[in-house]
Amino acid sequence: MYKIVVIIFLSLAVFSCNSTKNKSAASIENKKAEQQFENTAERDAKLIKDGIDFYASGSEPNWTLIIDFDRSLALLSILGDNNLSFKIIDNKDNHIENLTFELEDHDLRMEAKEIGCNNSMSGEGFPYSISFDLNGKIYTGCGKYLGENVGINSLDIRIFNKWKLDELKGVNFDKDNAPYFTINKKTKRIGGFSSCNNFGGQATLVGNTLKFGPFMMTKKYCGHDSVEQKFMSAMAKTQSYYISDDKLVFLDGGGNELMSFLEDSK
């Protein structure tokens, strides 16, 4: 059984390296994002065909976990280390939250929570947040049951660029003094300029959903009915985003466009 699972994993590695098809980008996705979707869909189809039921991955270092419930086997591959094949010894109705693994000379304990998660390297969205302790070292990442409709769009890593306001619905403003912001990829904190004050706060990113706040701001008076007030109000209403043709668009909870940004190279 070990050889079977290793072959499955190696075939996945070969597939991942050679999947380079290109198609036209969807209306709200760039070609890179669509190619990522193609690779993901084909990867999942290959794993399902090989009998794999659950897939998880993470980074720093890169690792992959695939689970075959029918064979009660799991294969863990960590970059720079040997592949490890574990037997599932306590399978409670194929629930990923309740699995126990066993392998001589190794101790693997895993925790899975049904919380939206996206891979920090690829941006792929998953419904489960995964962490596991292997011989006292903690690894984190994301996972999903194969064949299910995840319902979480992938994060577009361009969100971490610097963006300058291009359009705010119903508001005229000086483009030379336009609001701008950046989101720190590691801390997920936002910092920027409102057209009058500097501001900062927390950004919550899960796939293409995006929420901000609370914000902290400097104290300069900006006048009544200012651009700052309308910009910060739109920021507070933001629930999701997409990037198309190098333009970033923020949407409210009803999918209505609030404002758009262009990448600021300064």
C-alpha atoms as a PDB file:
ATOM      1  CA  MET A   1       0.000   0.000   0.000  1.00  0.00           C
ATOM      2  CA  TYR A   2       2.923   2.350   0.732  1.00  0.00           C
ATOM      3  CA  LYS A   3       4.173   1.996  -2.844  1.00  0.00           C
ATOM      4  CA  ILE A   4       0.694   2.740  -4.195  1.00  0.00           C
ATOM      5  CA  VAL A   5       0.415   5.983  -2.239  1.00  0.00           C
ATOM      6  CA  VAL A   6       3.961   7.059  -3.130  1.00  0.00           C
ATOM      7  CA  ILE A   7       3.211   6.503  -6.817  1.00  0.00           C
ATOM      8  CA  ILE A   8       0.081   8.643  -6.448  1.00  0.00           C
ATOM      9  CA  PHE A   9       2.083  11.433  -4.875  1.00  0.00           C
ATOM     10  CA  LEU A  10       4.884  11.279  -7.449  1.00  0.00           C
ATOM     11  CA  SER A  11       2.392  11.357 -10.306  1.00  0.00           C
ATOM     12  CA  LEU A  12       0.841  14.449  -8.702  1.00  0.00           C
ATOM     13  CA  ALA A  13       4.275  16.106  -8.550  1.00  0.00           C
ATOM     14  CA  VAL A  14       4.943  15.378 -12.229  1.00  0.00           C
ATOM     15  CA  PHE A  15       1.484  16.664 -13.144  1.00  0.00           C
ATOM     16  CA  SER A  16       1.960  19.882 -11.174  1.00  0.00           C
ATOM     17  CA  CYS A  17       5.207  20.633 -12.972  1.00  0.00           C
ATOM     18  CA  ASN A  18       3.818  20.013 -16.457  1.00  0.00           C
ATOM     19  CA  SER A  19       0.362  21.579 -16.276  1.00  0.00           C
ATOM     20  CA  THR A  20       0.907  24.768 -18.345  1.00  0.00           C
ATOM     21  CA  LYS A  21      -2.205  25.173 -20.445  1.00  0.00           C
ATOM     22  CA  ASN A  22      -3.476  28.660 -21.165  1.00  0.00           C
ATOM     23  CA  LYS A  23      -6.998  29.921 -21.736  1.00  0.00           C
ATOM     24  CA  SER A  24      -8.581  33.331 -22.025  1.00  0.00           C
ATOM     25  CA  ALA A  25      -9.047  35.069 -18.685  1.00  0.00           C
ATOM     26  CA  ALA A  26     -12.510  35.278 -17.182  1.00  0.00           C
ATOM     27  CA  SER A  27     -14.064  38.734 -16.900  1.00  0.00           C
ATOM     28  CA  ILE A  28     -12.901  39.242 -13.303  1.00  0.00           C
ATOM     29  CA  GLU A  29      -9.779  37.062 -13.295  1.00  0.00           C
ATOM     30  CA  ASN A  30      -6.378  37.532 -14.855  1.00  0.00           C
ATOM     31  CA  LYS A  31      -4.665  34.769 -16.822  1.00  0.00           C
ATOM     32  CA  LYS A  32      -2.477  33.813 -13.879  1.00  0.00           C
ATOM     33  CA  ALA A  33      -5.464  33.329 -11.611  1.00  0.00           C
ATOM     34  CA  GLU A  34      -7.282  31.264 -14.237  1.00  0.00           C
ATOM     35  CA  GLN A  35      -4.219  29.065 -14.800  1.00  0.00           C
ATOM     36  CA  GLN A  36      -4.099  28.431 -11.046  1.00  0.00           C
ATOM     37  CA  PHE A  37      -7.733  27.296 -11.221  1.00  0.00           C
ATOM     38  CA  GLU A  38      -6.979  24.961 -14.135  1.00  0.00           C
ATOM     39  CA  ASN A  39      -4.087  23.359 -12.274  1.00  0.00           C
ATOM     40  CA  THR A  40      -6.179  22.982  -9.136  1.00  0.00           C
ATOM     41  CA  ALA A  41      -9.129  21.400 -10.950  1.00  0.00           C
ATOM     42  CA  GLU A  42      -6.923  18.962 -12.851  1.00  0.00           C
ATOM     43  CA  ARG A  43      -4.933  18.121  -9.722  1.00  0.00           C
ATOM     44  CA  ASP A  44      -8.126  17.327  -7.837  1.00  0.00           C
ATOM     45  CA  ALA A  45      -9.476  15.208 -10.700  1.00  0.00           C
ATOM     46  CA  LYS A  46      -6.233  13.208 -10.772  1.00  0.00           C
ATOM     47  CA  LEU A  47      -6.314  12.621  -7.011  1.00  0.00           C
ATOM     48  CA  ILE A  48      -9.970  11.574  -7.064  1.00  0.00           C
ATOM     49  CA  LYS A  49      -9.226   9.127  -9.860  1.00  0.00           C
ATOM     50  CA  ASP A  50      -6.422   7.662  -7.720  1.00  0.00           C
ATOM     51  CA  GLY A  51      -8.779   7.196  -4.760  1.00  0.00           C
ATOM     52  CA  ILE A  52      -7.653  10.127  -2.619  1.00  0.00           C
ATOM     53  CA  ASP A  53     -10.412  11.612  -0.439  1.00  0.00           C
ATOM     54  CA  PHE A  54      -8.773  14.557   1.331  1.00  0.00           C
ATOM     55  CA  TYR A  55      -6.035  16.975   0.275  1.00  0.00           C
ATOM     56  CA  ALA A  56      -4.155  19.515   2.400  1.00  0.00           C
ATOM     57  CA  SER A  57      -1.084  21.675   1.881  1.00  0.00           C
ATOM     58  CA  GLY A  58       0.949  24.392   3.542  1.00  0.00           C
ATOM     59  CA  SER A  59       4.141  26.398   3.258  1.00  0.00           C
ATOM     60  CA  GLU A  60       7.235  27.383   5.249  1.00  0.00           C
ATOM     61  CA  PRO A  61       8.285  24.659   4.548  1.00  0.00           C
ATOM     62  CA  ASN A  62       6.063  23.391   1.731  1.00  0.00           C
ATOM     63  CA  TRP A  63       4.161  20.247   2.681  1.00  0.00           C
ATOM     64  CA  THR A  64       1.362  18.111   1.225  1.00  0.00           C
ATOM     65  CA  LEU A  65      -0.941  15.636   2.954  1.00  0.00           C
ATOM     66  CA  ILE A  66      -3.210  13.255   1.010  1.00  0.00           C
ATOM     67  CA  ILE A  67      -5.605  10.818   2.696  1.00  0.00           C
ATOM     68  CA  ASP A  68      -7.274   7.669   1.364  1.00  0.00           C
ATOM     69  CA  PHE A  69     -10.078   6.727   3.753  1.00  0.00           C
ATOM     70  CA  ASP A  70     -10.845   3.430   1.996  1.00  0.00           C
ATOM     71  CA  ARG A  71      -7.294   2.177   2.512  1.00  0.00           C
ATOM     72  CA  SER A  72      -6.959   3.944   5.905  1.00  0.00           C
ATOM     73  CA  LEU A  73      -3.720   5.514   4.682  1.00  0.00           C
ATOM     74  CA  ALA A  74      -2.233   9.003   4.615  1.00  0.00           C
ATOM     75  CA  LEU A  75       0.906  10.228   2.873  1.00  0.00           C
ATOM     76  CA  LEU A  76       2.726  13.268   4.221  1.00  0.00           C
ATOM     77  CA  SER A  77       5.436  14.912   2.127  1.00  0.00           C
ATOM     78  CA  ILE A  78       7.528  17.777   3.537  1.00  0.00           C
ATOM     79  CA  LEU A  79      10.012  19.667   1.379  1.00  0.00           C
ATOM     80  CA  GLY A  80      13.522  18.456   2.137  1.00  0.00           C
ATOM     81  CA  ASP A  81      12.348  15.383   4.069  1.00  0.00           C
ATOM     82  CA  ASN A  82      11.346  11.846   3.134  1.00  0.00           C
ATOM     83  CA  ASN A  83       7.717  10.980   2.407  1.00  0.00           C
ATOM     84  CA  LEU A  84       5.973   9.449   5.408  1.00  0.00           C
ATOM     85  CA  SER A  85       3.086   6.978   5.050  1.00  0.00           C
ATOM     86  CA  PHE A  86       0.763   6.809   8.087  1.00  0.00           C
ATOM     87  CA  LYS A  87      -1.945   4.325   8.921  1.00  0.00           C
ATOM     88  CA  ILE A  88      -5.249   5.713  10.155  1.00  0.00           C
ATOM     89  CA  ILE A  89      -6.011   3.839  13.381  1.00  0.00           C
ATOM     90  CA  ASP A  90      -9.074   5.716  14.604  1.00  0.00           C
ATOM     91  CA  ASN A  91     -11.318   6.695  11.701  1.00  0.00           C
ATOM     92  CA  LYS A  92     -14.597   8.142  12.946  1.00  0.00           C
ATOM     93  CA  ASP A  93     -16.898   8.230   9.905  1.00  0.00           C
ATOM     94  CA  ASN A  94     -14.197   9.742   7.670  1.00  0.00           C
ATOM     95  CA  HIS A  95     -14.315  13.025   9.593  1.00  0.00           C
ATOM     96  CA  ILE A  96     -11.037  14.865   9.163  1.00  0.00           C
ATOM     97  CA  GLU A  97     -11.480  16.481  12.584  1.00  0.00           C
ATOM     98  CA  ASN A  98     -11.296  13.111  14.367  1.00  0.00           C
ATOM     99  CA  LEU A  99      -8.435  11.178  12.762  1.00  0.00           C
ATOM    100  CA  THR A 100      -5.579   9.461  14.622  1.00  0.00           C
ATOM    101  CA  PHE A 101      -2.414   8.407  12.770  1.00  0.00           C
ATOM    102  CA  GLU A 102       0.252   5.842  13.570  1.00  0.00           C
ATOM    103  CA  LEU A 103       3.726   5.179  12.182  1.00  0.00           C
ATOM    104  CA  GLU A 104       6.628   3.545  13.964  1.00  0.00           C
ATOM    105  CA  ASP A 105       9.148   6.113  15.258  1.00  0.00           C
ATOM    106  CA  HIS A 106       6.883   9.039  14.350  1.00  0.00           C
ATOM    107  CA  ASP A 107       4.106  10.822  16.197  1.00  0.00           C
ATOM    108  CA  LEU A 108       1.538  12.755  14.119  1.00  0.00           C
ATOM    109  CA  ARG A 109      -1.289  14.676  15.728  1.00  0.00           C
ATOM    110  CA  MET A 110      -3.542  16.781  13.540  1.00  0.00           C
ATOM    111  CA  GLU A 111      -6.198  19.401  14.233  1.00  0.00           C
ATOM    112  CA  ALA A 112      -8.705  20.458  11.566  1.00  0.00           C
ATOM    113  CA  LYS A 113     -11.211  23.285  11.919  1.00  0.00           C
ATOM    114  CA  GLU A 114     -13.964  24.132   9.434  1.00  0.00           C
ATOM    115  CA  ILE A 115     -12.809  27.711   8.966  1.00  0.00           C
ATOM    116  CA  GLY A 116     -12.196  29.361   5.587  1.00  0.00           C
ATOM    117  CA  CYS A 117      -8.503  29.248   4.764  1.00  0.00           C
ATOM    118  CA  ASN A 118      -6.285  30.176   1.838  1.00  0.00           C
ATOM    119  CA  ASN A 119      -2.795  28.972   0.997  1.00  0.00           C
ATOM    120  CA  SER A 120      -0.359  31.859   1.518  1.00  0.00           C
ATOM    121  CA  MET A 121       1.756  30.862  -1.482  1.00  0.00           C
ATOM    122  CA  SER A 122      -0.780  29.815  -4.135  1.00  0.00           C
ATOM    123  CA  GLY A 123      -3.824  31.772  -2.920  1.00  0.00           C
ATOM    124  CA  GLU A 124      -6.037  28.692  -3.310  1.00  0.00           C
ATOM    125  CA  GLY A 125      -9.143  28.756  -1.103  1.00  0.00           C
ATOM    126  CA  PHE A 126     -10.064  25.884   1.257  1.00  0.00           C
ATOM    127  CA  PRO A 127     -12.867  25.235   3.781  1.00  0.00           C
ATOM    128  CA  TYR A 128     -10.597  23.727   6.475  1.00  0.00           C
ATOM    129  CA  SER A 129      -7.746  25.187   8.489  1.00  0.00           C
ATOM    130  CA  ILE A 130      -5.189  22.465   9.262  1.00  0.00           C
ATOM    131  CA  SER A 131      -2.424  22.240  11.846  1.00  0.00           C
ATOM    132  CA  PHE A 132      -0.413  19.218  12.858  1.00  0.00           C
ATOM    133  CA  ASP A 133       2.367  18.312  15.248  1.00  0.00           C
ATOM    134  CA  LEU A 134       4.986  15.982  13.796  1.00  0.00           C
ATOM    135  CA  ASN A 135       7.524  14.866  16.366  1.00  0.00           C
ATOM    136  CA  GLY A 136       7.107  18.120  18.260  1.00  0.00           C
ATOM    137  CA  LYS A 137       7.243  20.501  15.251  1.00  0.00           C
ATOM    138  CA  ILE A 138       4.110  22.418  14.281  1.00  0.00           C
ATOM    139  CA  TYR A 139       2.978  22.793  10.639  1.00  0.00           C
ATOM    140  CA  THR A 140      -0.029  24.817   9.438  1.00  0.00           C
ATOM    141  CA  GLY A 141      -2.007  24.998   6.211  1.00  0.00           C
ATOM    142  CA  CYS A 142      -5.376  24.392   4.559  1.00  0.00           C
ATOM    143  CA  GLY A 143      -7.355  21.372   3.366  1.00  0.00           C
ATOM    144  CA  LYS A 144     -10.521  20.077   1.729  1.00  0.00           C
ATOM    145  CA  TYR A 145     -12.479  16.938   0.910  1.00  0.00           C
ATOM    146  CA  LEU A 146     -12.024  16.214  -2.776  1.00  0.00           C
ATOM    147  CA  GLY A 147     -15.054  16.427  -5.026  1.00  0.00           C
ATOM    148  CA  GLU A 148     -16.878  18.995  -2.892  1.00  0.00           C
ATOM    149  CA  ASN A 149     -17.785  22.497  -3.975  1.00  0.00           C
ATOM    150  CA  VAL A 150     -15.479  24.572  -1.820  1.00  0.00           C
ATOM    151  CA  GLY A 151     -17.313  27.860  -2.370  1.00  0.00           C
ATOM    152  CA  ILE A 152     -14.271  29.948  -1.449  1.00  0.00           C
ATOM    153  CA  ASN A 153     -12.648  31.971  -4.212  1.00  0.00           C
ATOM    154  CA  SER A 154      -8.880  32.148  -4.195  1.00  0.00           C
ATOM    155  CA  LEU A 155      -7.047  35.132  -2.820  1.00  0.00           C
ATOM    156  CA  ASP A 156      -5.376  37.228  -5.515  1.00  0.00           C
ATOM    157  CA  ILE A 157      -1.903  37.990  -4.149  1.00  0.00           C
ATOM    158  CA  ARG A 158      -1.847  41.303  -6.056  1.00  0.00           C
ATOM    159  CA  ILE A 159      -4.034  42.633  -3.226  1.00  0.00           C
ATOM    160  CA  PHE A 160      -0.734  43.117  -1.363  1.00  0.00           C
ATOM    161  CA  ASN A 161       0.492  45.713  -3.894  1.00  0.00           C
ATOM    162  CA  LYS A 162       0.179  49.441  -3.238  1.00  0.00           C
ATOM    163  CA  TRP A 163      -3.170  50.774  -4.521  1.00  0.00           C
ATOM    164  CA  LYS A 164      -4.304  54.354  -5.190  1.00  0.00           C
ATOM    165  CA  LEU A 165      -7.957  55.392  -5.427  1.00  0.00           C
ATOM    166  CA  ASP A 166      -9.169  55.816  -9.008  1.00  0.00           C
ATOM    167  CA  GLU A 167     -12.941  56.101  -8.549  1.00  0.00           C
ATOM    168  CA  LEU A 168     -15.243  56.534  -5.544  1.00  0.00           C
ATOM    169  CA  LYS A 169     -18.905  56.359  -6.472  1.00  0.00           C
ATOM    170  CA  GLY A 170     -20.474  59.821  -6.542  1.00  0.00           C
ATOM    171  CA  VAL A 171     -17.379  61.625  -5.263  1.00  0.00           C
ATOM    172  CA  ASN A 172     -15.061  64.040  -7.061  1.00  0.00           C
ATOM    173  CA  PHE A 173     -11.528  64.229  -5.681  1.00  0.00           C
ATOM    174  CA  ASP A 174      -8.058  65.465  -6.542  1.00  0.00           C
ATOM    175  CA  LYS A 175      -6.224  62.550  -8.211  1.00  0.00           C
ATOM    176  CA  ASP A 176      -2.886  64.051  -7.112  1.00  0.00           C
ATOM    177  CA  ASN A 177      -4.002  63.794  -3.478  1.00  0.00           C
ATOM    178  CA  ALA A 178      -5.974  60.556  -3.773  1.00  0.00           C
ATOM    179  CA  PRO A 179      -6.249  58.039  -0.932  1.00  0.00           C
ATOM    180  CA  TYR A 180      -3.975  55.002  -1.133  1.00  0.00           C
ATOM    181  CA  PHE A 181      -3.194  51.916   0.931  1.00  0.00           C
ATOM    182  CA  THR A 182      -1.116  48.776   1.235  1.00  0.00           C
ATOM    183  CA  ILE A 183      -1.835  45.520   3.099  1.00  0.00           C
ATOM    184  CA  ASN A 184       1.090  43.748   4.724  1.00  0.00           C
ATOM    185  CA  LYS A 185       1.231  40.190   3.366  1.00  0.00           C
ATOM    186  CA  LYS A 186       2.552  38.727   6.621  1.00  0.00           C
ATOM    187  CA  THR A 187       0.616  40.637   9.303  1.00  0.00           C
ATOM    188  CA  LYS A 188      -2.531  41.389   7.217  1.00  0.00           C
ATOM    189  CA  ARG A 189      -2.520  44.933   8.573  1.00  0.00           C
ATOM    190  CA  ILE A 190      -3.518  47.822   6.324  1.00  0.00           C
ATOM    191  CA  GLY A 191      -1.852  51.206   6.279  1.00  0.00           C
ATOM    192  CA  GLY A 192      -2.530  54.182   4.082  1.00  0.00           C
ATOM    193  CA  PHE A 193      -3.552  57.788   3.472  1.00  0.00           C
ATOM    194  CA  SER A 194      -7.171  58.953   3.400  1.00  0.00           C
ATOM    195  CA  SER A 195      -6.497  62.164   1.383  1.00  0.00           C
ATOM    196  CA  CYS A 196      -6.196  64.015   4.683  1.00  0.00           C
ATOM    197  CA  ASN A 197      -4.958  61.692   7.460  1.00  0.00           C
ATOM    198  CA  ASN A 198      -2.854  58.583   7.733  1.00  0.00           C
ATOM    199  CA  PHE A 199      -4.744  55.494   8.873  1.00  0.00           C
ATOM    200  CA  GLY A 200      -4.075  51.897   9.869  1.00  0.00           C
ATOM    201  CA  GLY A 201      -5.895  48.810  11.065  1.00  0.00           C
ATOM    202  CA  GLN A 202      -6.549  45.135  10.535  1.00  0.00           C
ATOM    203  CA  ALA A 203      -7.548  43.523   7.239  1.00  0.00           C
ATOM    204  CA  THR A 204      -9.409  40.189   7.311  1.00  0.00           C
ATOM    205  CA  LEU A 205      -8.846  38.189   4.111  1.00  0.00           C
ATOM    206  CA  VAL A 206     -10.448  34.823   3.336  1.00  0.00           C
ATOM    207  CA  GLY A 207     -10.357  34.025  -0.368  1.00  0.00           C
ATOM    208  CA  ASN A 208     -11.888  37.030  -2.118  1.00  0.00           C
ATOM    209  CA  THR A 209     -13.727  38.293   0.984  1.00  0.00           C
ATOM    210  CA  LEU A 210     -12.202  41.372   2.597  1.00  0.00           C
ATOM    211  CA  LYS A 211     -13.134  43.317   5.707  1.00  0.00           C
ATOM    212  CA  PHE A 212     -11.384  46.155   7.510  1.00  0.00           C
ATOM    213  CA  GLY A 213     -11.253  47.620  10.970  1.00  0.00           C
ATOM    214  CA  PRO A 214     -11.217  48.983  13.448  1.00  0.00           C
ATOM    215  CA  PHE A 215      -9.096  51.834  12.130  1.00  0.00           C
ATOM    216  CA  MET A 216      -6.728  54.199  13.908  1.00  0.00           C
ATOM    217  CA  MET A 217      -6.103  57.639  12.339  1.00  0.00           C
ATOM    218  CA  THR A 218      -4.105  60.796  12.793  1.00  0.00           C
ATOM    219  CA  LYS A 219      -6.087  63.835  13.986  1.00  0.00           C
ATOM    220  CA  LYS A 220      -5.899  66.465  11.235  1.00  0.00           C
ATOM    221  CA  TYR A 221      -9.232  68.241  10.630  1.00  0.00           C
ATOM    222  CA  CYS A 222     -10.399  67.629   7.055  1.00  0.00           C
ATOM    223  CA  GLY A 223     -13.553  69.732   6.825  1.00  0.00           C
ATOM    224  CA  HIS A 224     -17.247  68.873   6.623  1.00  0.00           C
ATOM    225  CA  ASP A 225     -18.372  66.250   4.105  1.00  0.00           C
ATOM    226  CA  SER A 226     -14.775  65.541   3.153  1.00  0.00           C
ATOM    227  CA  VAL A 227     -13.359  62.994   0.713  1.00  0.00           C
ATOM    228  CA  GLU A 228     -11.829  61.291   3.741  1.00  0.00           C
ATOM    229  CA  GLN A 229     -15.224  60.719   5.374  1.00  0.00           C
ATOM    230  CA  LYS A 230     -16.676  59.171   2.221  1.00  0.00           C
ATOM    231  CA  PHE A 231     -13.588  57.085   1.536  1.00  0.00           C
ATOM    232  CA  MET A 232     -13.405  55.684   5.070  1.00  0.00           C
ATOM    233  CA  SER A 233     -17.160  55.003   5.021  1.00  0.00           C
ATOM    234  CA  ALA A 234     -16.703  52.949   1.844  1.00  0.00           C
ATOM    235  CA  MET A 235     -13.787  51.095   3.428  1.00  0.00           C
ATOM    236  CA  ALA A 236     -15.997  50.154   6.389  1.00  0.00           C
ATOM    237  CA  LYS A 237     -18.695  48.803   4.019  1.00  0.00           C
ATOM    238  CA  THR A 238     -16.260  46.646   2.019  1.00  0.00           C
ATOM    239  CA  GLN A 239     -17.042  42.913   2.073  1.00  0.00           C
ATOM    240  CA  SER A 240     -15.209  41.511  -0.978  1.00  0.00           C
ATOM    241  CA  TYR A 241     -12.960  42.452  -3.880  1.00  0.00           C
ATOM    242  CA  TYR A 242     -11.747  41.400  -7.298  1.00  0.00           C
ATOM    243  CA  ILE A 243      -8.862  42.451  -9.553  1.00  0.00           C
ATOM    244  CA  SER A 244      -9.382  42.760 -13.308  1.00  0.00           C
ATOM    245  CA  ASP A 245      -7.242  44.441 -15.969  1.00  0.00           C
ATOM    246  CA  ASP A 246      -4.927  45.739 -13.206  1.00  0.00           C
ATOM    247  CA  LYS A 247      -7.834  47.473 -11.449  1.00  0.00           C
ATOM    248  CA  LEU A 248      -8.824  46.594  -7.862  1.00  0.00           C
ATOM    249  CA  VAL A 249     -12.551  46.854  -7.093  1.00  0.00           C
ATOM    250  CA  PHE A 250     -14.142  46.847  -3.616  1.00  0.00           C
ATOM    251  CA  LEU A 251     -17.722  45.562  -3.234  1.00  0.00           C
ATOM    252  CA  ASP A 252     -20.287  45.824  -0.448  1.00  0.00           C
ATOM    253  CA  GLY A 253     -22.261  42.916   1.028  1.00  0.00           C
ATOM    254  CA  GLY A 254     -24.744  43.019  -1.867  1.00  0.00           C
ATOM    255  CA  GLY A 255     -22.041  42.830  -4.518  1.00  0.00           C
ATOM    256  CA  ASN A 256     -22.370  46.506  -5.423  1.00  0.00           C
ATOM    257  CA  GLU A 257     -19.223  48.355  -6.473  1.00  0.00           C
ATOM    258  CA  LEU A 258     -18.044  50.878  -3.869  1.00  0.00           C
ATOM    259  CA  MET A 259     -14.786  52.146  -5.353  1.00  0.00           C
ATOM    260  CA  SER A 260     -11.853  51.135  -7.504  1.00  0.00           C
ATOM    261  CA  PHE A 261      -8.088  51.520  -7.358  1.00  0.00           C
ATOM    262  CA  LEU A 262      -5.113  51.466  -9.697  1.00  0.00           C
ATOM    263  CA  GLU A 263      -1.728  50.082  -8.759  1.00  0.00           C
ATOM    264  CA  ASP A 264       0.594  52.796  -7.494  1.00  0.00           C
ATOM    265  CA  SER A 265       4.203  52.122  -8.458  1.00  0.00           C
ATOM    266  CA  LYS A 266       5.608  55.074  -6.467  1.00  0.00           C
END
